[in-house]
PDB file of N, CA and C in Angstrom:
ATOM      1  N   GLU A   1      60.194  46.407  35.407  1.00  0.00           N
ATOM      2  CA  GLU A   1      59.433  47.097  36.496  1.00  0.00           C
ATOM      3  C   GLU A   1      58.274  47.721  35.555  1.00  0.00           C
ATOM      4  N   ILE A   2      57.364  48.119  35.588  1.00  0.00           N
ATOM      5  CA  ILE A   2      56.451  48.759  34.111  1.00  0.00           C
ATOM      6  C   ILE A   2      56.334  50.335  35.185  1.00  0.00           C
ATOM      7  N   ASN A   3      56.075  51.013  34.158  1.00  0.00           N
ATOM      8  CA  ASN A   3      56.096  52.413  34.870  1.00  0.00           C
ATOM      9  C   ASN A   3      54.870  53.144  33.545  1.00  0.00           C
ATOM     10  N   LEU A   4      53.787  53.376  34.143  1.00  0.00           N
ATOM     11  CA  LEU A   4      52.490  53.556  33.961  1.00  0.00           C
ATOM     12  C   LEU A   4      52.305  55.328  34.494  1.00  0.00           C
ATOM     13  N   THR A   5      52.226  55.432  32.990  1.00  0.00           N
ATOM     14  CA  THR A   5      51.859  57.141  34.184  1.00  0.00           C
ATOM     15  C   THR A   5      50.476  57.237  34.690  1.00  0.00           C
ATOM     16  N   ASN A   6      49.839  57.897  35.214  1.00  0.00           N
ATOM     17  CA  ASN A   6      48.665  57.941  35.950  1.00  0.00           C
ATOM     18  C   ASN A   6      48.088  58.469  34.932  1.00  0.00           C
ATOM     19  N   ARG A   7      47.893  59.242  33.949  1.00  0.00           N
ATOM     20  CA  ARG A   7      46.428  59.441  32.709  1.00  0.00           C
ATOM     21  C   ARG A   7      46.629  57.605  32.592  1.00  0.00           C
ATOM     22  N   GLU A   8      48.074  57.299  31.742  1.00  0.00           N
ATOM     23  CA  GLU A   8      47.612  55.628  31.241  1.00  0.00           C
ATOM     24  C   GLU A   8      46.530  55.278  32.482  1.00  0.00           C
ATOM     25  N   VAL A   9      47.103  55.174  33.442  1.00  0.00           N
ATOM     26  CA  VAL A   9      46.328  54.409  34.419  1.00  0.00           C
ATOM     27  C   VAL A   9      45.031  54.563  34.268  1.00  0.00           C
ATOM     28  N   GLU A  10      44.798  55.694  34.646  1.00  0.00           N
ATOM     29  CA  GLU A  10      43.603  56.110  34.210  1.00  0.00           C
ATOM     30  C   GLU A  10      42.204  55.467  33.185  1.00  0.00           C
ATOM     31  N   VAL A  11      43.392  55.647  31.493  1.00  0.00           N
ATOM     32  CA  VAL A  11      42.834  55.030  30.698  1.00  0.00           C
ATOM     33  C   VAL A  11      42.587  53.776  30.896  1.00  0.00           C
ATOM     34  N   LEU A  12      43.330  52.713  31.211  1.00  0.00           N
ATOM     35  CA  LEU A  12      43.532  51.304  31.177  1.00  0.00           C
ATOM     36  C   LEU A  12      41.875  50.907  32.293  1.00  0.00           C
ATOM     37  N   GLU A  13      41.616  51.682  33.715  1.00  0.00           N
ATOM     38  CA  GLU A  13      40.762  51.357  34.046  1.00  0.00           C
ATOM     39  C   GLU A  13      39.625  51.392  33.656  1.00  0.00           C
ATOM     40  N   GLN A  14      39.120  52.801  32.910  1.00  0.00           N
ATOM     41  CA  GLN A  14      38.797  52.617  31.970  1.00  0.00           C
ATOM     42  C   GLN A  14      38.181  51.861  30.748  1.00  0.00           C
ATOM     43  N   LEU A  15      39.175  51.379  30.250  1.00  0.00           N
ATOM     44  CA  LEU A  15      39.003  50.188  29.390  1.00  0.00           C
ATOM     45  C   LEU A  15      38.782  49.155  29.719  1.00  0.00           C
ATOM     46  N   SER A  16      39.050  48.809  30.988  1.00  0.00           N
ATOM     47  CA  SER A  16      38.705  47.285  31.625  1.00  0.00           C
ATOM     48  C   SER A  16      36.976  47.620  31.945  1.00  0.00           C
ATOM     49  N   LYS A  17      36.589  49.029  32.224  1.00  0.00           N
ATOM     50  CA  LYS A  17      35.236  48.893  32.401  1.00  0.00           C
ATOM     51  C   LYS A  17      34.468  48.539  30.963  1.00  0.00           C
ATOM     52  N   GLY A  18      35.177  48.157  30.172  1.00  0.00           N
ATOM     53  CA  GLY A  18      34.057  48.046  29.117  1.00  0.00           C
ATOM     54  C   GLY A  18      34.168  49.314  28.171  1.00  0.00           C
ATOM     55  N   LEU A  19      34.951  50.676  28.394  1.00  0.00           N
ATOM     56  CA  LEU A  19      34.070  52.207  27.966  1.00  0.00           C
ATOM     57  C   LEU A  19      35.132  51.665  26.493  1.00  0.00           C
ATOM     58  N   LYS A  20      34.149  52.250  25.316  1.00  0.00           N
ATOM     59  CA  LYS A  20      35.056  52.915  24.290  1.00  0.00           C
ATOM     60  C   LYS A  20      35.361  53.790  24.305  1.00  0.00           C
ATOM     61  N   TYR A  21      36.294  54.025  23.373  1.00  0.00           N
ATOM     62  CA  TYR A  21      37.539  55.113  23.238  1.00  0.00           C
ATOM     63  C   TYR A  21      36.761  56.807  23.524  1.00  0.00           C
ATOM     64  N   ASN A  22      35.726  56.624  22.224  1.00  0.00           N
ATOM     65  CA  ASN A  22      34.801  57.939  22.938  1.00  0.00           C
ATOM     66  C   ASN A  22      34.493  58.326  24.079  1.00  0.00           C
ATOM     67  N   ALA A  23      34.155  57.241  25.167  1.00  0.00           N
ATOM     68  CA  ALA A  23      33.556  57.286  25.967  1.00  0.00           C
ATOM     69  C   ALA A  23      34.840  58.100  26.833  1.00  0.00           C
ATOM     70  N   ILE A  24      35.846  56.863  26.803  1.00  0.00           N
ATOM     71  CA  ILE A  24      36.865  57.417  27.598  1.00  0.00           C
ATOM     72  C   ILE A  24      37.509  58.889  27.315  1.00  0.00           C
ATOM     73  N   ALA A  25      37.236  59.062  26.146  1.00  0.00           N
ATOM     74  CA  ALA A  25      37.683  60.361  25.952  1.00  0.00           C
ATOM     75  C   ALA A  25      37.377  61.959  26.589  1.00  0.00           C
ATOM     76  N   ASP A  26      35.237  61.087  26.123  1.00  0.00           N
ATOM     77  CA  ASP A  26      34.688  62.307  27.340  1.00  0.00           C
ATOM     78  C   ASP A  26      34.726  62.802  28.927  1.00  0.00           C
ATOM     79  N   ASN A  27      35.396  61.191  29.033  1.00  0.00           N
ATOM     80  CA  ASN A  27      34.887  61.271  30.696  1.00  0.00           C
ATOM     81  C   ASN A  27      36.485  61.746  31.094  1.00  0.00           C
ATOM     82  N   LEU A  28      37.538  61.723  30.199  1.00  0.00           N
ATOM     83  CA  LEU A  28      39.018  62.405  30.949  1.00  0.00           C
ATOM     84  C   LEU A  28      38.919  63.278  30.223  1.00  0.00           C
ATOM     85  N   PHE A  29      38.268  64.281  29.151  1.00  0.00           N
ATOM     86  CA  PHE A  29      38.386  65.657  28.703  1.00  0.00           C
ATOM     87  C   PHE A  29      39.340  65.694  28.130  1.00  0.00           C
ATOM     88  N   LEU A  30      39.568  64.392  27.189  1.00  0.00           N
ATOM     89  CA  LEU A  30      40.464  64.511  25.808  1.00  0.00           C
ATOM     90  C   LEU A  30      40.201  63.990  24.273  1.00  0.00           C
ATOM     91  N   SER A  31      41.076  64.492  23.684  1.00  0.00           N
ATOM     92  CA  SER A  31      40.536  63.878  22.808  1.00  0.00           C
ATOM     93  C   SER A  31      40.864  62.181  22.298  1.00  0.00           C
ATOM     94  N   VAL A  32      39.730  61.875  21.025  1.00  0.00           N
ATOM     95  CA  VAL A  32      39.418  60.329  21.041  1.00  0.00           C
ATOM     96  C   VAL A  32      41.216  59.664  20.178  1.00  0.00           C
ATOM     97  N   GLY A  33      42.218  61.125  19.519  1.00  0.00           N
ATOM     98  CA  GLY A  33      43.450  60.359  19.518  1.00  0.00           C
ATOM     99  C   GLY A  33      44.119  60.593  20.371  1.00  0.00           C
ATOM    100  N   THR A  34      44.083  61.509  21.627  1.00  0.00           N
ATOM    101  CA  THR A  34      44.853  61.278  22.838  1.00  0.00           C
ATOM    102  C   THR A  34      44.765  59.931  23.395  1.00  0.00           C
ATOM    103  N   ILE A  35      43.213  59.569  23.190  1.00  0.00           N
ATOM    104  CA  ILE A  35      43.233  58.317  24.314  1.00  0.00           C
ATOM    105  C   ILE A  35      44.100  57.094  23.194  1.00  0.00           C
ATOM    106  N   ARG A  36      43.871  57.070  21.777  1.00  0.00           N
ATOM    107  CA  ARG A  36      44.456  55.848  21.165  1.00  0.00           C
ATOM    108  C   ARG A  36      45.798  56.051  21.413  1.00  0.00           C
ATOM    109  N   LYS A  37      46.497  57.103  21.277  1.00  0.00           N
ATOM    110  CA  LYS A  37      48.323  57.457  21.789  1.00  0.00           C
ATOM    111  C   LYS A  37      48.394  56.980  22.729  1.00  0.00           C
ATOM    112  N   HIS A  38      47.502  57.394  24.287  1.00  0.00           N
ATOM    113  CA  HIS A  38      48.180  56.524  25.490  1.00  0.00           C
ATOM    114  C   HIS A  38      47.851  54.878  25.341  1.00  0.00           C
ATOM    115  N   VAL A  39      46.778  54.263  24.402  1.00  0.00           N
ATOM    116  CA  VAL A  39      46.487  53.391  24.667  1.00  0.00           C
ATOM    117  C   VAL A  39      47.510  52.574  23.615  1.00  0.00           C
ATOM    118  N   GLU A  40      48.119  53.297  22.894  1.00  0.00           N
ATOM    119  CA  GLU A  40      49.974  52.649  22.016  1.00  0.00           C
ATOM    120  C   GLU A  40      50.940  52.478  22.829  1.00  0.00           C
ATOM    121  N   ASN A  41      51.369  53.352  24.055  1.00  0.00           N
ATOM    122  CA  ASN A  41      52.011  53.531  24.529  1.00  0.00           C
ATOM    123  C   ASN A  41      51.877  52.224  25.909  1.00  0.00           C
ATOM    124  N   ILE A  42      50.270  52.479  26.248  1.00  0.00           N
ATOM    125  CA  ILE A  42      50.124  51.036  27.462  1.00  0.00           C
ATOM    126  C   ILE A  42      50.549  49.803  26.917  1.00  0.00           C
ATOM    127  N   TYR A  43      50.367  49.439  25.715  1.00  0.00           N
ATOM    128  CA  TYR A  43      50.683  48.294  25.310  1.00  0.00           C
ATOM    129  C   TYR A  43      51.952  48.390  24.287  1.00  0.00           C
ATOM    130  N   ASN A  44      52.800  49.422  24.551  1.00  0.00           N
ATOM    131  CA  ASN A  44      54.263  49.073  24.273  1.00  0.00           C
ATOM    132  C   ASN A  44      54.867  48.783  25.642  1.00  0.00           C
ATOM    133  N   LYS A  45      54.025  49.542  26.595  1.00  0.00           N
ATOM    134  CA  LYS A  45      55.150  49.678  28.082  1.00  0.00           C
ATOM    135  C   LYS A  45      54.871  48.394  28.790  1.00  0.00           C
ATOM    136  N   LEU A  46      53.525  47.480  28.406  1.00  0.00           N
ATOM    137  CA  LEU A  46      53.240  45.821  29.081  1.00  0.00           C
ATOM    138  C   LEU A  46      53.450  44.910  28.186  1.00  0.00           C
ATOM    139  N   GLN A  47      53.969  44.972  26.709  1.00  0.00           N
ATOM    140  CA  GLN A  47      54.150  44.198  25.750  1.00  0.00           C
ATOM    141  C   GLN A  47      53.052  43.253  25.375  1.00  0.00           C
ATOM    142  N   VAL A  48      51.849  43.831  25.557  1.00  0.00           N
ATOM    143  CA  VAL A  48      50.490  43.023  25.085  1.00  0.00           C
ATOM    144  C   VAL A  48      50.508  43.774  23.826  1.00  0.00           C
ATOM    145  N   HIS A  49      49.548  43.410  23.014  1.00  0.00           N
ATOM    146  CA  HIS A  49      48.941  43.308  21.495  1.00  0.00           C
ATOM    147  C   HIS A  49      47.512  44.115  21.373  1.00  0.00           C
ATOM    148  N   ASN A  50      47.155  43.440  22.909  1.00  0.00           N
ATOM    149  CA  ASN A  50      45.233  43.860  22.757  1.00  0.00           C
ATOM    150  C   ASN A  50      44.513  44.272  23.733  1.00  0.00           C
ATOM    151  N   LYS A  51      43.498  44.846  23.853  1.00  0.00           N
ATOM    152  CA  LYS A  51      43.330  45.354  25.117  1.00  0.00           C
ATOM    153  C   LYS A  51      43.024  44.385  26.130  1.00  0.00           C
ATOM    154  N   LEU A  52      42.529  42.995  26.000  1.00  0.00           N
ATOM    155  CA  LEU A  52      42.427  41.784  27.309  1.00  0.00           C
ATOM    156  C   LEU A  52      43.478  42.102  27.263  1.00  0.00           C
ATOM    157  N   GLU A  53      44.657  41.397  27.096  1.00  0.00           N
ATOM    158  CA  GLU A  53      45.885  41.449  27.465  1.00  0.00           C
ATOM    159  C   GLU A  53      46.664  42.672  28.329  1.00  0.00           C
ATOM    160  N   ALA A  54      46.320  43.567  27.801  1.00  0.00           N
ATOM    161  CA  ALA A  54      46.797  44.772  28.781  1.00  0.00           C
ATOM    162  C   ALA A  54      46.103  44.812  30.281  1.00  0.00           C
ATOM    163  N   ILE A  55      44.534  44.317  30.267  1.00  0.00           N
ATOM    164  CA  ILE A  55      44.325  44.238  31.404  1.00  0.00           C
ATOM    165  C   ILE A  55      44.525  43.687  32.384  1.00  0.00           C
ATOM    166  N   GLN A  56      44.462  42.178  31.853  1.00  0.00           N
ATOM    167  CA  GLN A  56      44.954  40.998  32.580  1.00  0.00           C
ATOM    168  C   GLN A  56      46.155  41.262  33.266  1.00  0.00           C
ATOM    169  N   LYS A  57      47.241  41.739  32.230  1.00  0.00           N
ATOM    170  CA  LYS A  57      48.568  42.139  32.516  1.00  0.00           C
ATOM    171  C   LYS A  57      48.940  43.386  33.880  1.00  0.00           C
ATOM    172  N   ALA A  58      48.111  44.293  33.343  1.00  0.00           N
ATOM    173  CA  ALA A  58      47.833  45.361  34.556  1.00  0.00           C
ATOM    174  C   ALA A  58      46.945  45.001  35.787  1.00  0.00           C
ATOM    175  N   LYS A  59      46.221  43.802  35.149  1.00  0.00           N
ATOM    176  CA  LYS A  59      46.219  43.640  37.049  1.00  0.00           C
ATOM    177  C   LYS A  59      46.678  42.699  37.821  1.00  0.00           C
ATOM    178  N   THR A  60      47.648  42.028  36.736  1.00  0.00           N
ATOM    179  CA  THR A  60      48.253  41.088  37.908  1.00  0.00           C
ATOM    180  C   THR A  60      49.527  41.556  38.101  1.00  0.00           C
ATOM    181  N   ASN A  61      49.776  43.039  38.194  1.00  0.00           N
ATOM    182  CA  ASN A  61      51.071  43.673  38.222  1.00  0.00           C
ATOM    183  C   ASN A  61      50.557  44.510  39.114  1.00  0.00           C
ATOM    184  N   LYS A  62      49.199  44.523  39.870  1.00  0.00           N
ATOM    185  CA  LYS A  62      48.704  45.475  40.579  1.00  0.00           C
ATOM    186  C   LYS A  62      48.187  46.958  40.207  1.00  0.00           C
ATOM    187  N   LEU A  63      47.880  47.355  38.668  1.00  0.00           N
ATOM    188  CA  LEU A  63      48.339  48.380  38.260  1.00  0.00           C
ATOM    189  C   LEU A  63      46.685  48.980  38.353  1.00  0.00           C
ATOM    190  N   ILE A  64      46.292  48.090  38.446  1.00  0.00           N
ATOM    191  CA  ILE A  64      44.691  48.741  38.299  1.00  0.00           C
ATOM    192  C   ILE A  64      44.206  47.590  39.103  1.00  0.00           C
TER     193      ILE A  64
END
């Protein structure tokens, strides 16, 4: 089972809209470094290596 935090889901949803890290950081009132860390955690939890794979797997598993 894949357990993403609420914040990780928020980041993934924004990524799926094609937003860049700095836009996501602005939207969520976080630093770009924090967004990078969230993305890294998402990739590890979903066992993927890029944005496209992460978004596809999240949609398949109804996370976003």
